[in-house]
Amino acid sequence: MSITQQHVLDVHRARRHGEPAPPAPGAHDWQVMRELRDRHQLRAALAGRPAHGRVRRALSRLLAPRPRSAR
């Protein structure tokens, strides 16, 4: 049975029991990948390894001195 056939069967069962339909296969793949990346970055920070990528850019924006506007 393919994953698509299993999903159709699960949707059919859910409708017969009056339950909400399950999400389509692959609907939350990107969210899972983001959560895994965030967990990896958190564990790295707790272990004392330096931040990189988006975390480092965000920190540099927060900590960098801002130029004063001329008035």
PDB file of N, CA and C in Angstrom:
ATOM      1  N   MET A   1       0.855  -1.169   0.000  1.00  0.00           N
ATOM      2  CA  MET A   1       0.000   0.000   0.000  1.00  0.00           C
ATOM      3  C   MET A   1       0.901   1.233   0.000  1.00  0.00           C
ATOM      4  N   SER A   2       0.611   2.158  -0.886  1.00  0.00           N
ATOM      5  CA  SER A   2       1.416   3.379  -0.949  1.00  0.00           C
ATOM      6  C   SER A   2       0.976   4.360   0.135  1.00  0.00           C
ATOM      7  N   ILE A   3       1.772   5.392   0.330  1.00  0.00           N
ATOM      8  CA  ILE A   3       1.450   6.391   1.342  1.00  0.00           C
ATOM      9  C   ILE A   3       0.175   7.153   0.972  1.00  0.00           C
ATOM     10  N   THR A   4      -0.050   7.350  -0.319  1.00  0.00           N
ATOM     11  CA  THR A   4      -1.261   8.039  -0.768  1.00  0.00           C
ATOM     12  C   THR A   4      -2.499   7.192  -0.485  1.00  0.00           C
ATOM     13  N   GLN A   5      -2.410   5.897  -0.751  1.00  0.00           N
ATOM     14  CA  GLN A   5      -3.537   5.011  -0.470  1.00  0.00           C
ATOM     15  C   GLN A   5      -3.822   4.947   1.030  1.00  0.00           C
ATOM     16  N   GLN A   6      -2.770   4.930   1.844  1.00  0.00           N
ATOM     17  CA  GLN A   6      -2.958   4.913   3.289  1.00  0.00           C
ATOM     18  C   GLN A   6      -3.634   6.209   3.759  1.00  0.00           C
ATOM     19  N   HIS A   7      -3.234   7.332   3.178  1.00  0.00           N
ATOM     20  CA  HIS A   7      -3.844   8.606   3.547  1.00  0.00           C
ATOM     21  C   HIS A   7      -5.332   8.619   3.187  1.00  0.00           C
ATOM     22  N   VAL A   8      -5.671   8.127   2.004  1.00  0.00           N
ATOM     23  CA  VAL A   8      -7.078   8.081   1.595  1.00  0.00           C
ATOM     24  C   VAL A   8      -7.870   7.196   2.556  1.00  0.00           C
ATOM     25  N   LEU A   9      -7.305   6.079   2.944  1.00  0.00           N
ATOM     26  CA  LEU A   9      -7.968   5.190   3.900  1.00  0.00           C
ATOM     27  C   LEU A   9      -8.153   5.880   5.253  1.00  0.00           C
ATOM     28  N   ASP A  10      -7.128   6.599   5.713  1.00  0.00           N
ATOM     29  CA  ASP A  10      -7.221   7.310   6.992  1.00  0.00           C
ATOM     30  C   ASP A  10      -8.279   8.418   6.939  1.00  0.00           C
ATOM     31  N   VAL A  11      -8.366   9.124   5.820  1.00  0.00           N
ATOM     32  CA  VAL A  11      -9.379  10.176   5.664  1.00  0.00           C
ATOM     33  C   VAL A  11     -10.779   9.552   5.690  1.00  0.00           C
ATOM     34  N   HIS A  12     -10.939   8.423   5.001  1.00  0.00           N
ATOM     35  CA  HIS A  12     -12.229   7.737   4.968  1.00  0.00           C
ATOM     36  C   HIS A  12     -12.652   7.301   6.380  1.00  0.00           C
ATOM     37  N   ARG A  13     -11.717   6.717   7.125  1.00  0.00           N
ATOM     38  CA  ARG A  13     -12.021   6.288   8.494  1.00  0.00           C
ATOM     39  C   ARG A  13     -12.383   7.478   9.380  1.00  0.00           C
ATOM     40  N   ALA A  14     -11.644   8.561   9.227  1.00  0.00           N
ATOM     41  CA  ALA A  14     -11.904   9.746  10.045  1.00  0.00           C
ATOM     42  C   ALA A  14     -13.296  10.302   9.762  1.00  0.00           C
ATOM     43  N   ARG A  15     -13.671  10.347   8.509  1.00  0.00           N
ATOM     44  CA  ARG A  15     -15.014  10.849   8.158  1.00  0.00           C
ATOM     45  C   ARG A  15     -16.110   9.954   8.720  1.00  0.00           C
ATOM     46  N   ARG A  16     -15.908   8.647   8.661  1.00  0.00           N
ATOM     47  CA  ARG A  16     -16.924   7.720   9.172  1.00  0.00           C
ATOM     48  C   ARG A  16     -17.084   7.826  10.681  1.00  0.00           C
ATOM     49  N   HIS A  17     -15.997   8.192  11.372  1.00  0.00           N
ATOM     50  CA  HIS A  17     -16.043   8.317  12.832  1.00  0.00           C
ATOM     51  C   HIS A  17     -16.305   9.751  13.286  1.00  0.00           C
ATOM     52  N   GLY A  18     -16.483  10.662  12.325  1.00  0.00           N
ATOM     53  CA  GLY A  18     -16.758  12.056  12.673  1.00  0.00           C
ATOM     54  C   GLY A  18     -15.559  12.789  13.246  1.00  0.00           C
ATOM     55  N   GLU A  19     -14.364  12.363  12.907  1.00  0.00           N
ATOM     56  CA  GLU A  19     -13.139  12.992  13.394  1.00  0.00           C
ATOM     57  C   GLU A  19     -12.549  13.877  12.301  1.00  0.00           C
ATOM     58  N   PRO A  20     -11.681  14.811  12.676  1.00  0.00           N
ATOM     59  CA  PRO A  20     -11.039  15.637  11.652  1.00  0.00           C
ATOM     60  C   PRO A  20     -10.077  14.797  10.807  1.00  0.00           C
ATOM     61  N   ALA A  21      -9.951  15.165   9.562  1.00  0.00           N
ATOM     62  CA  ALA A  21      -9.074  14.419   8.651  1.00  0.00           C
ATOM     63  C   ALA A  21      -7.614  14.663   9.013  1.00  0.00           C
ATOM     64  N   PRO A  22      -6.774  13.650   8.875  1.00  0.00           N
ATOM     65  CA  PRO A  22      -5.348  13.839   9.164  1.00  0.00           C
ATOM     66  C   PRO A  22      -4.697  14.708   8.083  1.00  0.00           C
ATOM     67  N   PRO A  23      -3.574  15.360   8.400  1.00  0.00           N
ATOM     68  CA  PRO A  23      -2.910  16.185   7.393  1.00  0.00           C
ATOM     69  C   PRO A  23      -2.355  15.314   6.263  1.00  0.00           C
ATOM     70  N   ALA A  24      -2.245  15.912   5.105  1.00  0.00           N
ATOM     71  CA  ALA A  24      -1.708  15.193   3.957  1.00  0.00           C
ATOM     72  C   ALA A  24      -0.243  14.840   4.202  1.00  0.00           C
ATOM     73  N   PRO A  25       0.227  13.756   3.602  1.00  0.00           N
ATOM     74  CA  PRO A  25       1.630  13.390   3.778  1.00  0.00           C
ATOM     75  C   PRO A  25       2.547  14.502   3.285  1.00  0.00           C
ATOM     76  N   GLY A  26       3.528  14.844   4.092  1.00  0.00           N
ATOM     77  CA  GLY A  26       4.475  15.880   3.703  1.00  0.00           C
ATOM     78  C   GLY A  26       4.028  17.288   4.022  1.00  0.00           C
ATOM     79  N   ALA A  27       2.858  17.450   4.642  1.00  0.00           N
ATOM     80  CA  ALA A  27       2.330  18.790   4.895  1.00  0.00           C
ATOM     81  C   ALA A  27       3.178  19.559   5.901  1.00  0.00           C
ATOM     82  N   HIS A  28       3.841  18.876   6.810  1.00  0.00           N
ATOM     83  CA  HIS A  28       4.594  19.554   7.863  1.00  0.00           C
ATOM     84  C   HIS A  28       6.094  19.264   7.789  1.00  0.00           C
ATOM     85  N   ASP A  29       6.583  18.844   6.624  1.00  0.00           N
ATOM     86  CA  ASP A  29       7.998  18.483   6.499  1.00  0.00           C
ATOM     87  C   ASP A  29       8.921  19.663   6.791  1.00  0.00           C
ATOM     88  N   TRP A  30       8.596  20.847   6.250  1.00  0.00           N
ATOM     89  CA  TRP A  30       9.466  22.011   6.468  1.00  0.00           C
ATOM     90  C   TRP A  30       9.471  22.420   7.933  1.00  0.00           C
ATOM     91  N   GLN A  31       8.337  22.324   8.584  1.00  0.00           N
ATOM     92  CA  GLN A  31       8.268  22.676  10.002  1.00  0.00           C
ATOM     93  C   GLN A  31       9.138  21.730  10.826  1.00  0.00           C
ATOM     94  N   VAL A  32       9.115  20.467  10.508  1.00  0.00           N
ATOM     95  CA  VAL A  32       9.936  19.491  11.224  1.00  0.00           C
ATOM     96  C   VAL A  32      11.417  19.793  11.007  1.00  0.00           C
ATOM     97  N   MET A  33      11.795  20.122   9.784  1.00  0.00           N
ATOM     98  CA  MET A  33      13.195  20.444   9.504  1.00  0.00           C
ATOM     99  C   MET A  33      13.634  21.683  10.271  1.00  0.00           C
ATOM    100  N   ARG A  34      12.777  22.708  10.349  1.00  0.00           N
ATOM    101  CA  ARG A  34      13.112  23.914  11.110  1.00  0.00           C
ATOM    102  C   ARG A  34      13.303  23.585  12.588  1.00  0.00           C
ATOM    103  N   GLU A  35      12.414  22.755  13.137  1.00  0.00           N
ATOM    104  CA  GLU A  35      12.519  22.394  14.541  1.00  0.00           C
ATOM    105  C   GLU A  35      13.791  21.595  14.824  1.00  0.00           C
ATOM    106  N   LEU A  36      14.179  20.720  13.919  1.00  0.00           N
ATOM    107  CA  LEU A  36      15.424  19.977  14.091  1.00  0.00           C
ATOM    108  C   LEU A  36      16.625  20.913  14.056  1.00  0.00           C
ATOM    109  N   ARG A  37      16.616  21.870  13.128  1.00  0.00           N
ATOM    110  CA  ARG A  37      17.708  22.835  13.039  1.00  0.00           C
ATOM    111  C   ARG A  37      17.782  23.679  14.311  1.00  0.00           C
ATOM    112  N   ASP A  38      16.621  24.148  14.800  1.00  0.00           N
ATOM    113  CA  ASP A  38      16.606  24.955  16.016  1.00  0.00           C
ATOM    114  C   ASP A  38      17.116  24.157  17.211  1.00  0.00           C
ATOM    115  N   ARG A  39      16.746  22.899  17.280  1.00  0.00           N
ATOM    116  CA  ARG A  39      17.221  22.045  18.384  1.00  0.00           C
ATOM    117  C   ARG A  39      18.727  21.874  18.313  1.00  0.00           C
ATOM    118  N   HIS A  40      19.235  21.681  17.099  1.00  0.00           N
ATOM    119  CA  HIS A  40      20.679  21.533  16.905  1.00  0.00           C
ATOM    120  C   HIS A  40      21.398  22.809  17.339  1.00  0.00           C
ATOM    121  N   GLN A  41      20.874  23.971  16.967  1.00  0.00           N
ATOM    122  CA  GLN A  41      21.492  25.237  17.338  1.00  0.00           C
ATOM    123  C   GLN A  41      21.424  25.462  18.845  1.00  0.00           C
ATOM    124  N   LEU A  42      20.337  25.081  19.477  1.00  0.00           N
ATOM    125  CA  LEU A  42      20.218  25.224  20.925  1.00  0.00           C
ATOM    126  C   LEU A  42      21.243  24.348  21.641  1.00  0.00           C
ATOM    127  N   ARG A  43      21.368  23.107  21.191  1.00  0.00           N
ATOM    128  CA  ARG A  43      22.342  22.212  21.820  1.00  0.00           C
ATOM    129  C   ARG A  43      23.766  22.734  21.622  1.00  0.00           C
ATOM    130  N   ALA A  44      24.039  23.323  20.455  1.00  0.00           N
ATOM    131  CA  ALA A  44      25.358  23.900  20.208  1.00  0.00           C
ATOM    132  C   ALA A  44      25.612  25.076  21.144  1.00  0.00           C
ATOM    133  N   ALA A  45      24.614  25.914  21.337  1.00  0.00           N
ATOM    134  CA  ALA A  45      24.762  27.061  22.234  1.00  0.00           C
ATOM    135  C   ALA A  45      24.975  26.603  23.668  1.00  0.00           C
ATOM    136  N   LEU A  46      24.251  25.585  24.105  1.00  0.00           N
ATOM    137  CA  LEU A  46      24.413  25.079  25.459  1.00  0.00           C
ATOM    138  C   LEU A  46      25.786  24.439  25.665  1.00  0.00           C
ATOM    139  N   ALA A  47      26.347  23.902  24.597  1.00  0.00           N
ATOM    140  CA  ALA A  47      27.668  23.284  24.677  1.00  0.00           C
ATOM    141  C   ALA A  47      28.783  24.319  24.550  1.00  0.00           C
ATOM    142  N   GLY A  48      28.426  25.574  24.281  1.00  0.00           N
ATOM    143  CA  GLY A  48      29.422  26.630  24.199  1.00  0.00           C
ATOM    144  C   GLY A  48      30.012  26.843  22.823  1.00  0.00           C
ATOM    145  N   ARG A  49      29.456  26.229  21.807  1.00  0.00           N
ATOM    146  CA  ARG A  49      29.959  26.444  20.452  1.00  0.00           C
ATOM    147  C   ARG A  49      29.358  27.737  19.904  1.00  0.00           C
ATOM    148  N   PRO A  50      30.099  28.461  19.067  1.00  0.00           N
ATOM    149  CA  PRO A  50      29.608  29.753  18.576  1.00  0.00           C
ATOM    150  C   PRO A  50      28.413  29.609  17.634  1.00  0.00           C
ATOM    151  N   ALA A  51      27.599  30.649  17.636  1.00  0.00           N
ATOM    152  CA  ALA A  51      26.435  30.669  16.754  1.00  0.00           C
ATOM    153  C   ALA A  51      26.884  30.914  15.319  1.00  0.00           C
ATOM    154  N   HIS A  52      26.072  30.482  14.373  1.00  0.00           N
ATOM    155  CA  HIS A  52      26.367  30.730  12.968  1.00  0.00           C
ATOM    156  C   HIS A  52      25.054  30.882  12.208  1.00  0.00           C
ATOM    157  N   GLY A  53      25.134  31.338  10.993  1.00  0.00           N
ATOM    158  CA  GLY A  53      23.950  31.464  10.146  1.00  0.00           C
ATOM    159  C   GLY A  53      23.004  32.541  10.625  1.00  0.00           C
ATOM    160  N   ARG A  54      21.728  32.224  10.637  1.00  0.00           N
ATOM    161  CA  ARG A  54      20.701  33.204  10.984  1.00  0.00           C
ATOM    162  C   ARG A  54      20.844  33.701  12.414  1.00  0.00           C
ATOM    163  N   VAL A  55      21.259  32.828  13.313  1.00  0.00           N
ATOM    164  CA  VAL A  55      21.405  33.224  14.714  1.00  0.00           C
ATOM    165  C   VAL A  55      22.498  34.278  14.845  1.00  0.00           C
ATOM    166  N   ARG A  56      23.622  34.050  14.199  1.00  0.00           N
ATOM    167  CA  ARG A  56      24.730  35.009  14.266  1.00  0.00           C
ATOM    168  C   ARG A  56      24.333  36.348  13.650  1.00  0.00           C
ATOM    169  N   ARG A  57      23.644  36.327  12.521  1.00  0.00           N
ATOM    170  CA  ARG A  57      23.206  37.580  11.890  1.00  0.00           C
ATOM    171  C   ARG A  57      22.251  38.345  12.789  1.00  0.00           C
ATOM    172  N   ALA A  58      21.327  37.629  13.428  1.00  0.00           N
ATOM    173  CA  ALA A  58      20.376  38.288  14.325  1.00  0.00           C
ATOM    174  C   ALA A  58      21.102  38.895  15.516  1.00  0.00           C
ATOM    175  N   LEU A  59      22.056  38.176  16.080  1.00  0.00           N
ATOM    176  CA  LEU A  59      22.808  38.705  17.214  1.00  0.00           C
ATOM    177  C   LEU A  59      23.644  39.911  16.814  1.00  0.00           C
ATOM    178  N   SER A  60      24.252  39.860  15.633  1.00  0.00           N
ATOM    179  CA  SER A  60      25.067  40.994  15.201  1.00  0.00           C
ATOM    180  C   SER A  60      24.209  42.234  14.968  1.00  0.00           C
ATOM    181  N   ARG A  61      22.984  42.049  14.488  1.00  0.00           N
ATOM    182  CA  ARG A  61      22.087  43.207  14.310  1.00  0.00           C
ATOM    183  C   ARG A  61      21.706  43.805  15.652  1.00  0.00           C
ATOM    184  N   LEU A  62      21.485  42.957  16.645  1.00  0.00           N
ATOM    185  CA  LEU A  62      21.093  43.450  17.964  1.00  0.00           C
ATOM    186  C   LEU A  62      22.251  44.123  18.692  1.00  0.00           C
ATOM    187  N   LEU A  63      23.453  43.596  18.524  1.00  0.00           N
ATOM    188  CA  LEU A  63      24.594  44.075  19.297  1.00  0.00           C
ATOM    189  C   LEU A  63      25.434  45.131  18.585  1.00  0.00           C
ATOM    190  N   ALA A  64      25.257  45.293  17.282  1.00  0.00           N
ATOM    191  CA  ALA A  64      26.065  46.256  16.524  1.00  0.00           C
ATOM    192  C   ALA A  64      25.637  47.686  16.853  1.00  0.00           C
ATOM    193  N   PRO A  65      26.615  48.593  16.984  1.00  0.00           N
ATOM    194  CA  PRO A  65      26.238  49.992  17.243  1.00  0.00           C
ATOM    195  C   PRO A  65      25.556  50.583  16.024  1.00  0.00           C
ATOM    196  N   ARG A  66      24.526  51.318  16.275  1.00  0.00           N
ATOM    197  CA  ARG A  66      23.757  51.927  15.182  1.00  0.00           C
ATOM    198  C   ARG A  66      24.282  53.345  14.927  1.00  0.00           C
ATOM    199  N   PRO A  67      24.384  53.727  13.658  1.00  0.00           N
ATOM    200  CA  PRO A  67      24.835  55.100  13.366  1.00  0.00           C
ATOM    201  C   PRO A  67      23.760  56.098  13.811  1.00  0.00           C
ATOM    202  N   ARG A  68      24.222  57.213  14.351  1.00  0.00           N
ATOM    203  CA  ARG A  68      23.282  58.233  14.784  1.00  0.00           C
ATOM    204  C   ARG A  68      22.791  59.020  13.585  1.00  0.00           C
ATOM    205  N   SER A  69      21.526  59.325  13.594  1.00  0.00           N
ATOM    206  CA  SER A  69      20.961  60.103  12.483  1.00  0.00           C
ATOM    207  C   SER A  69      21.244  61.569  12.714  1.00  0.00           C
ATOM    208  N   ALA A  70      21.604  62.281  11.646  1.00  0.00           N
ATOM    209  CA  ALA A  70      21.889  63.722  11.741  1.00  0.00           C
ATOM    210  C   ALA A  70      20.570  64.499  11.758  1.00  0.00           C
ATOM    211  N   ARG A  71      20.424  65.366  12.736  1.00  0.00           N
ATOM    212  CA  ARG A  71      19.190  66.149  12.846  1.00  0.00           C
ATOM    213  C   ARG A  71      19.470  67.589  12.733  1.00  0.00           C
TER     214      ARG A  71
END
